[in-house]
Amino acid sequence: MGKGGSATRVLVTGAGGFLGSHMVKYLKVKGVWVRGVDLREPEFMESRADDFVLMDLRRSENCHQVVRHIDQIYSFASNMGGIEFITRVKADVMHDNVLINANLLDACRKNDVERFFFSSSACIYPKSKQVKPDVAPLKETDALPAHPNTPYGWEKLFTERMCLAYHDDYGLETRVARYHNVYGPESTYEGGREKAPAALCRKVAEAEDGDKITIWGDGKQTRSFLYIDDCLEATFRLMNSDYHKPINIGNDELISIDRLADLIIEISGKRLGKEYDFSKPQGVRGRNADLTLARKILDWWPTVSYQAGLEKTYSWIEEQCANDRLTVTSDGMKVIGGMRE
C-alpha cells in the first residue's frame, strides 16, 4: 500500500526505453497505477502508463515535479547503448546519468518517496576479473577494489554508492540491481546503441541466404544474457524485498559471441557464414553472473532458455527489418530496398 493506506503509485523513469516500457507493461498487468516519464514515448509499443510525461530529468525542478504523490520509483532513465556507444561517448554518459540519479534521489528525500530502484550494470566490475573467455562468475563482492573498464561503469558504481548513502543518511529504501545484458523484443536494434543480441539478430535478418555476417572481434569473447521476462520478475521481487545492497540480476549460463551468432543463424533457417572485424570494440574478454545471492534473497533464477528467448527476439527484429525495407510513399508507391515499384 502507498501513503496513507492508498494504493501504491509508481513512477517508471526511462519509460520510453526498452527496460522502462516493458516494466510499465509488467506493472499494469499487476494492477499497479503507473506514471511513466522520458524524453520520448516508447518507440516500439504504445505506453500502458496511466500518466505519461515528456520531461528532461537532468533538470532538478522536473524531478521534484514528477515524483510528487509517488510511492515507489523504478529508475531506468539513462544515456547508454551497446559497447560501441559506451566506449565512444564518455563525458555525456557520465554527466547526464549522474545528474539524473542525483536529482531523483534528492527529490525522493524531499517528497517522502518510500522506495527507489536503481538499474545498475555488470559494467561496474573490475576489468582484471574479466580477462579470459572462461571467466569465473562475478560475485557482488568482486566490485571492490574498483576498476571498471568504461566511464559508463564508473558512473553506475558511483550511483550505487549514492543509493547506499541515501539509505544510510536519510532512511530511503533503495534497491540496486546489477543487470547482466538484458535482451528481448521491442529493443533498439540499429543506430549504434543496440546490444549484441539485437545487433546479431538484425545482421542475420538483413542477410541473404549464402551471405556472411560480421562478428566484432574473434567471436570467442563470452557473456551471459538475460531475457526481458526473467529480468522483470527478478526486479519486481527485489523492489518488494528487504534487501538494500547491490545484487546481480542476470544469467549464469556463459555463451560465446560465436555461439550466440550460430544460434540466431539456426533460428533464421538461413545458410550464413561469419567473418570477423578486429577493428571494432569488443569490451572485456569474458563476463558471467554469480546468482547465489539472487537465489537466496529473491528465490529467483532465469527460466527462459537462450533458444526460446532468441526465437522471440529474432522473430520480432526480422519483422522490423522487413517493415524497414517495405514502406509506402505519399503517392502510394511501394519502396523496397530503396527502389520504387
Foldseek 3Di string as FASTA:
>chain_A
DFPPPDAAEEEEEPCQADQNQVLQVVVVVVVHAYEYEECDHHDQDHRPHPHYYNDQLLDLVRLLVVCAPHAEYEYPDFDAFAPQVQAVDAPCRLSRLLSNLVSNLVSCLVRVHAEYEYEAAPLLAALVQQAAQVGDADFPVRSPPTHGPTNSNVSRVVSLVVLVVCCVPRVRQYFYEHEFAEDFPSHDQDDRRYYLLSVLLLQLLPDDFPEAGEDEAPQSAKGFYAYSVQQSLLRVLRRPFNDRHYAYDTAQDMDTSNVSSVLSNVLVVGHYHYDYDHVGDDGGRYHGHDHPVSCVRRVGHGDADSNRRSNRHSVNSSVVVQVVQWDADPVGWTHGNNDTD
